[in-house]
Every structure is written in C-alpha cells, then in structure tokens.
Amino acid sequence: MPRDQTVTSSKKVRRMTDSEKQLAAVARKRLTHKEIKVFVRNPLKDLMINECKREGVNQAQFVEKLIEDELRKRGLLE
C-alpha cells in the first residue's frame, strides 16, 4: 500500500447519551462532594427557589452557603 493512502476504520465513534453524561458528571462531583438528602416543608422550598432565582444560584449553591454561614457563625469554619 502506498504511503499516501490512509486506512480508515468503518467503526463510528459513539457519543454519550444525556443520561451517560449526567452519570459522568455525578461521578466527578462525588470525588469532591458528599450528597445530602433532605425533605423540607413546601413553603420553605418555594421561598428557597425564589431566592435562588433572585440571586442567580442553583439550589445546591444556596444550601451550601447556608451551611457555611451557620458553621462560620458557630466558630467551626474560618
């Protein structure tokens, strides 16, 4: 075969599905974060959603800031 000819494979590169991308993102996040699962009363959740929109943050960022602020207030976080 001459040098200037390229051998190509008939195999197609498979793209990740949306669910696979989500699983990969969660796996990466688990390296540096721990998951918490909580239930809160509906009115509190509704208020939180409104505050998140107003501040331009997601719910995880909002809750993380609340935890940081409380731990700092208690002298447990610098």
PDB file of N, CA and C in Angstrom:
ATOM      1  N   MET A   1       0.844  -1.172   0.000  1.00  0.00           N
ATOM      2  CA  MET A   1       0.000   0.000   0.000  1.00  0.00           C
ATOM      3  C   MET A   1       0.890   1.237   0.000  1.00  0.00           C
ATOM      4  N   PRO A   2       0.637   2.196  -0.879  1.00  0.00           N
ATOM      5  CA  PRO A   2       1.433   3.425  -0.929  1.00  0.00           C
ATOM      6  C   PRO A   2       1.282   4.224   0.364  1.00  0.00           C
ATOM      7  N   ARG A   3       2.322   5.001   0.665  1.00  0.00           N
ATOM      8  CA  ARG A   3       2.344   5.764   1.905  1.00  0.00           C
ATOM      9  C   ARG A   3       1.258   6.826   2.004  1.00  0.00           C
ATOM     10  N   ASP A   4       0.838   7.382   0.909  1.00  0.00           N
ATOM     11  CA  ASP A   4      -0.106   8.490   0.959  1.00  0.00           C
ATOM     12  C   ASP A   4      -1.555   8.035   1.140  1.00  0.00           C
ATOM     13  N   GLN A   5      -1.793   6.750   1.170  1.00  0.00           N
ATOM     14  CA  GLN A   5      -3.147   6.266   1.415  1.00  0.00           C
ATOM     15  C   GLN A   5      -3.353   6.048   2.913  1.00  0.00           C
ATOM     16  N   THR A   6      -4.496   6.441   3.395  1.00  0.00           N
ATOM     17  CA  THR A   6      -4.813   6.305   4.814  1.00  0.00           C
ATOM     18  C   THR A   6      -5.837   5.210   4.996  1.00  0.00           C
ATOM     19  N   VAL A   7      -5.592   4.378   5.955  1.00  0.00           N
ATOM     20  CA  VAL A   7      -6.543   3.331   6.270  1.00  0.00           C
ATOM     21  C   VAL A   7      -7.561   3.916   7.239  1.00  0.00           C
ATOM     22  N   THR A   8      -8.805   3.826   6.887  1.00  0.00           N
ATOM     23  CA  THR A   8      -9.855   4.337   7.775  1.00  0.00           C
ATOM     24  C   THR A   8     -10.670   3.168   8.299  1.00  0.00           C
ATOM     25  N   SER A   9     -11.146   3.359   9.482  1.00  0.00           N
ATOM     26  CA  SER A   9     -11.953   2.321  10.099  1.00  0.00           C
ATOM     27  C   SER A   9     -13.417   2.607   9.816  1.00  0.00           C
ATOM     28  N   SER A  10     -14.171   1.567   9.698  1.00  0.00           N
ATOM     29  CA  SER A  10     -15.599   1.759   9.469  1.00  0.00           C
ATOM     30  C   SER A  10     -16.352   1.925  10.796  1.00  0.00           C
ATOM     31  N   LYS A  11     -15.621   1.836  11.905  1.00  0.00           N
ATOM     32  CA  LYS A  11     -16.259   1.994  13.209  1.00  0.00           C
ATOM     33  C   LYS A  11     -16.581   3.459  13.456  1.00  0.00           C
ATOM     34  N   LYS A  12     -17.766   3.685  13.918  1.00  0.00           N
ATOM     35  CA  LYS A  12     -18.177   5.049  14.234  1.00  0.00           C
ATOM     36  C   LYS A  12     -17.886   5.334  15.708  1.00  0.00           C
ATOM     37  N   VAL A  13     -17.553   6.574  15.985  1.00  0.00           N
ATOM     38  CA  VAL A  13     -17.341   6.980  17.368  1.00  0.00           C
ATOM     39  C   VAL A  13     -18.714   7.159  18.009  1.00  0.00           C
ATOM     40  N   ARG A  14     -18.933   6.439  19.089  1.00  0.00           N
ATOM     41  CA  ARG A  14     -20.224   6.516  19.758  1.00  0.00           C
ATOM     42  C   ARG A  14     -20.233   7.686  20.724  1.00  0.00           C
ATOM     43  N   ARG A  15     -21.243   8.524  20.620  1.00  0.00           N
ATOM     44  CA  ARG A  15     -21.372   9.660  21.523  1.00  0.00           C
ATOM     45  C   ARG A  15     -22.121   9.253  22.774  1.00  0.00           C
ATOM     46  N   MET A  16     -21.830   9.962  23.854  1.00  0.00           N
ATOM     47  CA  MET A  16     -22.507   9.662  25.121  1.00  0.00           C
ATOM     48  C   MET A  16     -23.943  10.179  25.070  1.00  0.00           C
ATOM     49  N   THR A  17     -24.838   9.416  25.661  1.00  0.00           N
ATOM     50  CA  THR A  17     -26.214   9.875  25.768  1.00  0.00           C
ATOM     51  C   THR A  17     -26.284  10.913  26.888  1.00  0.00           C
ATOM     52  N   ASP A  18     -27.388  11.626  26.964  1.00  0.00           N
ATOM     53  CA  ASP A  18     -27.568  12.622  28.025  1.00  0.00           C
ATOM     54  C   ASP A  18     -27.490  11.977  29.403  1.00  0.00           C
ATOM     55  N   SER A  19     -28.074  10.800  29.545  1.00  0.00           N
ATOM     56  CA  SER A  19     -28.042  10.133  30.849  1.00  0.00           C
ATOM     57  C   SER A  19     -26.625   9.686  31.203  1.00  0.00           C
ATOM     58  N   GLU A  20     -25.852   9.269  30.211  1.00  0.00           N
ATOM     59  CA  GLU A  20     -24.454   8.892  30.459  1.00  0.00           C
ATOM     60  C   GLU A  20     -23.629  10.115  30.861  1.00  0.00           C
ATOM     61  N   LYS A  21     -23.885  11.244  30.216  1.00  0.00           N
ATOM     62  CA  LYS A  21     -23.196  12.481  30.569  1.00  0.00           C
ATOM     63  C   LYS A  21     -23.522  12.886  32.003  1.00  0.00           C
ATOM     64  N   GLN A  22     -24.793  12.758  32.379  1.00  0.00           N
ATOM     65  CA  GLN A  22     -25.218  13.095  33.733  1.00  0.00           C
ATOM     66  C   GLN A  22     -24.544  12.183  34.761  1.00  0.00           C
ATOM     67  N   LEU A  23     -24.503  10.888  34.473  1.00  0.00           N
ATOM     68  CA  LEU A  23     -23.838   9.943  35.381  1.00  0.00           C
ATOM     69  C   LEU A  23     -22.355  10.265  35.530  1.00  0.00           C
ATOM     70  N   ALA A  24     -21.714  10.644  34.440  1.00  0.00           N
ATOM     71  CA  ALA A  24     -20.292  11.001  34.486  1.00  0.00           C
ATOM     72  C   ALA A  24     -20.085  12.264  35.317  1.00  0.00           C
ATOM     73  N   ALA A  25     -20.973  13.233  35.159  1.00  0.00           N
ATOM     74  CA  ALA A  25     -20.864  14.473  35.931  1.00  0.00           C
ATOM     75  C   ALA A  25     -21.042  14.197  37.422  1.00  0.00           C
ATOM     76  N   VAL A  26     -21.987  13.350  37.771  1.00  0.00           N
ATOM     77  CA  VAL A  26     -22.215  12.991  39.172  1.00  0.00           C
ATOM     78  C   VAL A  26     -21.005  12.242  39.721  1.00  0.00           C
ATOM     79  N   ALA A  27     -20.436  11.361  38.936  1.00  0.00           N
ATOM     80  CA  ALA A  27     -19.248  10.616  39.378  1.00  0.00           C
ATOM     81  C   ALA A  27     -18.086  11.555  39.655  1.00  0.00           C
ATOM     82  N   ARG A  28     -17.898  12.561  38.797  1.00  0.00           N
ATOM     83  CA  ARG A  28     -16.833  13.547  39.023  1.00  0.00           C
ATOM     84  C   ARG A  28     -17.113  14.357  40.284  1.00  0.00           C
ATOM     85  N   LYS A  29     -18.364  14.742  40.475  1.00  0.00           N
ATOM     86  CA  LYS A  29     -18.732  15.545  41.640  1.00  0.00           C
ATOM     87  C   LYS A  29     -18.494  14.766  42.932  1.00  0.00           C
ATOM     88  N   ARG A  30     -18.726  13.454  42.921  1.00  0.00           N
ATOM     89  CA  ARG A  30     -18.550  12.630  44.121  1.00  0.00           C
ATOM     90  C   ARG A  30     -17.095  12.586  44.597  1.00  0.00           C
ATOM     91  N   LEU A  31     -16.155  12.966  43.743  1.00  0.00           N
ATOM     92  CA  LEU A  31     -14.754  12.987  44.145  1.00  0.00           C
ATOM     93  C   LEU A  31     -14.485  14.083  45.173  1.00  0.00           C
ATOM     94  N   THR A  32     -15.261  15.166  45.109  1.00  0.00           N
ATOM     95  CA  THR A  32     -15.007  16.314  45.982  1.00  0.00           C
ATOM     96  C   THR A  32     -16.202  16.708  46.845  1.00  0.00           C
ATOM     97  N   HIS A  33     -17.329  16.068  46.659  1.00  0.00           N
ATOM     98  CA  HIS A  33     -18.549  16.441  47.369  1.00  0.00           C
ATOM     99  C   HIS A  33     -19.215  15.205  47.970  1.00  0.00           C
ATOM    100  N   LYS A  34     -20.014  15.439  48.996  1.00  0.00           N
ATOM    101  CA  LYS A  34     -20.845  14.379  49.564  1.00  0.00           C
ATOM    102  C   LYS A  34     -22.301  14.794  49.403  1.00  0.00           C
ATOM    103  N   GLU A  35     -23.125  13.827  49.107  1.00  0.00           N
ATOM    104  CA  GLU A  35     -24.543  14.079  48.868  1.00  0.00           C
ATOM    105  C   GLU A  35     -25.299  14.115  50.190  1.00  0.00           C
ATOM    106  N   ILE A  36     -26.249  15.048  50.284  1.00  0.00           N
ATOM    107  CA  ILE A  36     -27.194  15.040  51.393  1.00  0.00           C
ATOM    108  C   ILE A  36     -28.594  15.018  50.795  1.00  0.00           C
ATOM    109  N   LYS A  37     -29.491  14.375  51.497  1.00  0.00           N
ATOM    110  CA  LYS A  37     -30.865  14.292  51.017  1.00  0.00           C
ATOM    111  C   LYS A  37     -31.761  14.743  52.154  1.00  0.00           C
ATOM    112  N   VAL A  38     -32.541  15.762  51.907  1.00  0.00           N
ATOM    113  CA  VAL A  38     -33.398  16.308  52.955  1.00  0.00           C
ATOM    114  C   VAL A  38     -34.799  16.554  52.408  1.00  0.00           C
ATOM    115  N   PHE A  39     -35.749  16.533  53.313  1.00  0.00           N
ATOM    116  CA  PHE A  39     -37.111  16.922  52.999  1.00  0.00           C
ATOM    117  C   PHE A  39     -37.409  18.186  53.782  1.00  0.00           C
ATOM    118  N   VAL A  40     -37.951  19.184  53.100  1.00  0.00           N
ATOM    119  CA  VAL A  40     -38.336  20.429  53.757  1.00  0.00           C
ATOM    120  C   VAL A  40     -39.789  20.719  53.420  1.00  0.00           C
ATOM    121  N   ARG A  41     -40.404  21.490  54.273  1.00  0.00           N
ATOM    122  CA  ARG A  41     -41.805  21.850  54.027  1.00  0.00           C
ATOM    123  C   ARG A  41     -41.926  22.634  52.718  1.00  0.00           C
ATOM    124  N   ASN A  42     -43.023  22.423  52.027  1.00  0.00           N
ATOM    125  CA  ASN A  42     -43.249  23.036  50.712  1.00  0.00           C
ATOM    126  C   ASN A  42     -43.062  24.553  50.704  1.00  0.00           C
ATOM    127  N   PRO A  43     -43.615  25.293  51.680  1.00  0.00           N
ATOM    128  CA  PRO A  43     -43.439  26.755  51.636  1.00  0.00           C
ATOM    129  C   PRO A  43     -41.964  27.176  51.726  1.00  0.00           C
ATOM    130  N   LEU A  44     -41.176  26.442  52.502  1.00  0.00           N
ATOM    131  CA  LEU A  44     -39.752  26.761  52.602  1.00  0.00           C
ATOM    132  C   LEU A  44     -39.051  26.523  51.268  1.00  0.00           C
ATOM    133  N   LYS A  45     -39.375  25.419  50.643  1.00  0.00           N
ATOM    134  CA  LYS A  45     -38.782  25.101  49.342  1.00  0.00           C
ATOM    135  C   LYS A  45     -39.156  26.158  48.303  1.00  0.00           C
ATOM    136  N   ASP A  46     -40.420  26.573  48.309  1.00  0.00           N
ATOM    137  CA  ASP A  46     -40.866  27.597  47.357  1.00  0.00           C
ATOM    138  C   ASP A  46     -40.113  28.910  47.567  1.00  0.00           C
ATOM    139  N   LEU A  47     -39.935  29.307  48.825  1.00  0.00           N
ATOM    140  CA  LEU A  47     -39.179  30.526  49.122  1.00  0.00           C
ATOM    141  C   LEU A  47     -37.720  30.377  48.671  1.00  0.00           C
ATOM    142  N   MET A  48     -37.154  29.206  48.906  1.00  0.00           N
ATOM    143  CA  MET A  48     -35.774  28.973  48.505  1.00  0.00           C
ATOM    144  C   MET A  48     -35.620  29.075  46.990  1.00  0.00           C
ATOM    145  N   ILE A  49     -36.535  28.502  46.263  1.00  0.00           N
ATOM    146  CA  ILE A  49     -36.488  28.567  44.794  1.00  0.00           C
ATOM    147  C   ILE A  49     -36.520  30.015  44.331  1.00  0.00           C
ATOM    148  N   ASN A  50     -37.381  30.806  44.936  1.00  0.00           N
ATOM    149  CA  ASN A  50     -37.461  32.228  44.567  1.00  0.00           C
ATOM    150  C   ASN A  50     -36.155  32.953  44.870  1.00  0.00           C
ATOM    151  N   GLU A  51     -35.562  32.664  46.024  1.00  0.00           N
ATOM    152  CA  GLU A  51     -34.291  33.290  46.385  1.00  0.00           C
ATOM    153  C   GLU A  51     -33.174  32.854  45.445  1.00  0.00           C
ATOM    154  N   CYS A  52     -33.174  31.596  45.066  1.00  0.00           N
ATOM    155  CA  CYS A  52     -32.168  31.106  44.127  1.00  0.00           C
ATOM    156  C   CYS A  52     -32.255  31.861  42.805  1.00  0.00           C
ATOM    157  N   LYS A  53     -33.462  32.036  42.312  1.00  0.00           N
ATOM    158  CA  LYS A  53     -33.652  32.777  41.063  1.00  0.00           C
ATOM    159  C   LYS A  53     -33.179  34.211  41.214  1.00  0.00           C
ATOM    160  N   ARG A  54     -33.528  34.833  42.341  1.00  0.00           N
ATOM    161  CA  ARG A  54     -33.161  36.230  42.592  1.00  0.00           C
ATOM    162  C   ARG A  54     -31.648  36.394  42.667  1.00  0.00           C
ATOM    163  N   GLU A  55     -30.979  35.443  43.314  1.00  0.00           N
ATOM    164  CA  GLU A  55     -29.526  35.522  43.492  1.00  0.00           C
ATOM    165  C   GLU A  55     -28.747  34.940  42.316  1.00  0.00           C
ATOM    166  N   GLY A  56     -29.421  34.213  41.444  1.00  0.00           N
ATOM    167  CA  GLY A  56     -28.746  33.616  40.294  1.00  0.00           C
ATOM    168  C   GLY A  56     -27.866  32.432  40.664  1.00  0.00           C
ATOM    169  N   VAL A  57     -28.313  31.657  41.653  1.00  0.00           N
ATOM    170  CA  VAL A  57     -27.571  30.467  42.072  1.00  0.00           C
ATOM    171  C   VAL A  57     -28.495  29.261  41.980  1.00  0.00           C
ATOM    172  N   ASN A  58     -27.900  28.076  41.972  1.00  0.00           N
ATOM    173  CA  ASN A  58     -28.737  26.884  41.996  1.00  0.00           C
ATOM    174  C   ASN A  58     -29.004  26.487  43.449  1.00  0.00           C
ATOM    175  N   GLN A  59     -29.883  25.532  43.643  1.00  0.00           N
ATOM    176  CA  GLN A  59     -30.292  25.146  44.995  1.00  0.00           C
ATOM    177  C   GLN A  59     -29.132  24.583  45.804  1.00  0.00           C
ATOM    178  N   ALA A  60     -28.264  23.823  45.180  1.00  0.00           N
ATOM    179  CA  ALA A  60     -27.114  23.260  45.896  1.00  0.00           C
ATOM    180  C   ALA A  60     -26.201  24.376  46.391  1.00  0.00           C
ATOM    181  N   GLN A  61     -25.960  25.373  45.550  1.00  0.00           N
ATOM    182  CA  GLN A  61     -25.122  26.502  45.958  1.00  0.00           C
ATOM    183  C   GLN A  61     -25.766  27.264  47.109  1.00  0.00           C
ATOM    184  N   PHE A  62     -27.062  27.438  47.054  1.00  0.00           N
ATOM    185  CA  PHE A  62     -27.792  28.157  48.097  1.00  0.00           C
ATOM    186  C   PHE A  62     -27.679  27.423  49.435  1.00  0.00           C
ATOM    187  N   VAL A  63     -27.924  26.118  49.425  1.00  0.00           N
ATOM    188  CA  VAL A  63     -27.864  25.327  50.660  1.00  0.00           C
ATOM    189  C   VAL A  63     -26.435  25.284  51.188  1.00  0.00           C
ATOM    190  N   GLU A  64     -25.465  25.119  50.307  1.00  0.00           N
ATOM    191  CA  GLU A  64     -24.068  25.079  50.735  1.00  0.00           C
ATOM    192  C   GLU A  64     -23.682  26.387  51.428  1.00  0.00           C
ATOM    193  N   LYS A  65     -24.142  27.517  50.890  1.00  0.00           N
ATOM    194  CA  LYS A  65     -23.843  28.817  51.512  1.00  0.00           C
ATOM    195  C   LYS A  65     -24.507  28.926  52.881  1.00  0.00           C
ATOM    196  N   LEU A  66     -25.743  28.447  53.004  1.00  0.00           N
ATOM    197  CA  LEU A  66     -26.415  28.468  54.311  1.00  0.00           C
ATOM    198  C   LEU A  66     -25.623  27.667  55.337  1.00  0.00           C
ATOM    199  N   ILE A  67     -25.151  26.496  54.939  1.00  0.00           N
ATOM    200  CA  ILE A  67     -24.375  25.646  55.848  1.00  0.00           C
ATOM    201  C   ILE A  67     -23.065  26.337  56.229  1.00  0.00           C
ATOM    202  N   GLU A  68     -22.377  26.886  55.238  1.00  0.00           N
ATOM    203  CA  GLU A  68     -21.126  27.595  55.518  1.00  0.00           C
ATOM    204  C   GLU A  68     -21.353  28.754  56.485  1.00  0.00           C
ATOM    205  N   ASP A  69     -22.390  29.558  56.228  1.00  0.00           N
ATOM    206  CA  ASP A  69     -22.680  30.705  57.092  1.00  0.00           C
ATOM    207  C   ASP A  69     -22.957  30.262  58.528  1.00  0.00           C
ATOM    208  N   GLU A  70     -23.732  29.208  58.690  1.00  0.00           N
ATOM    209  CA  GLU A  70     -24.074  28.722  60.036  1.00  0.00           C
ATOM    210  C   GLU A  70     -22.848  28.155  60.744  1.00  0.00           C
ATOM    211  N   LEU A  71     -22.034  27.391  60.040  1.00  0.00           N
ATOM    212  CA  LEU A  71     -20.828  26.832  60.649  1.00  0.00           C
ATOM    213  C   LEU A  71     -19.836  27.937  61.019  1.00  0.00           C
ATOM    214  N   ARG A  72     -19.745  28.972  60.187  1.00  0.00           N
ATOM    215  CA  ARG A  72     -18.873  30.109  60.480  1.00  0.00           C
ATOM    216  C   ARG A  72     -19.390  30.843  61.723  1.00  0.00           C
ATOM    217  N   LYS A  73     -20.706  31.020  61.797  1.00  0.00           N
ATOM    218  CA  LYS A  73     -21.326  31.694  62.945  1.00  0.00           C
ATOM    219  C   LYS A  73     -21.045  30.929  64.246  1.00  0.00           C
ATOM    220  N   ARG A  74     -20.977  29.622  64.162  1.00  0.00           N
ATOM    221  CA  ARG A  74     -20.715  28.786  65.341  1.00  0.00           C
ATOM    222  C   ARG A  74     -19.224  28.635  65.643  1.00  0.00           C
ATOM    223  N   GLY A  75     -18.392  29.251  64.812  1.00  0.00           N
ATOM    224  CA  GLY A  75     -16.956  29.190  65.019  1.00  0.00           C
ATOM    225  C   GLY A  75     -16.316  27.891  64.590  1.00  0.00           C
ATOM    226  N   LEU A  76     -17.003  27.133  63.762  1.00  0.00           N
ATOM    227  CA  LEU A  76     -16.483  25.846  63.307  1.00  0.00           C
ATOM    228  C   LEU A  76     -15.785  25.934  61.958  1.00  0.00           C
ATOM    229  N   LEU A  77     -15.897  27.083  61.322  1.00  0.00           N
ATOM    230  CA  LEU A  77     -15.322  27.276  59.992  1.00  0.00           C
ATOM    231  C   LEU A  77     -14.703  28.666  59.954  1.00  0.00           C
ATOM    232  N   GLU A  78     -13.518  28.750  59.423  1.00  0.00           N
ATOM    233  CA  GLU A  78     -12.836  30.052  59.356  1.00  0.00           C
ATOM    234  C   GLU A  78     -13.336  30.863  58.188  1.00  0.00           C
TER     235      GLU A  78
END
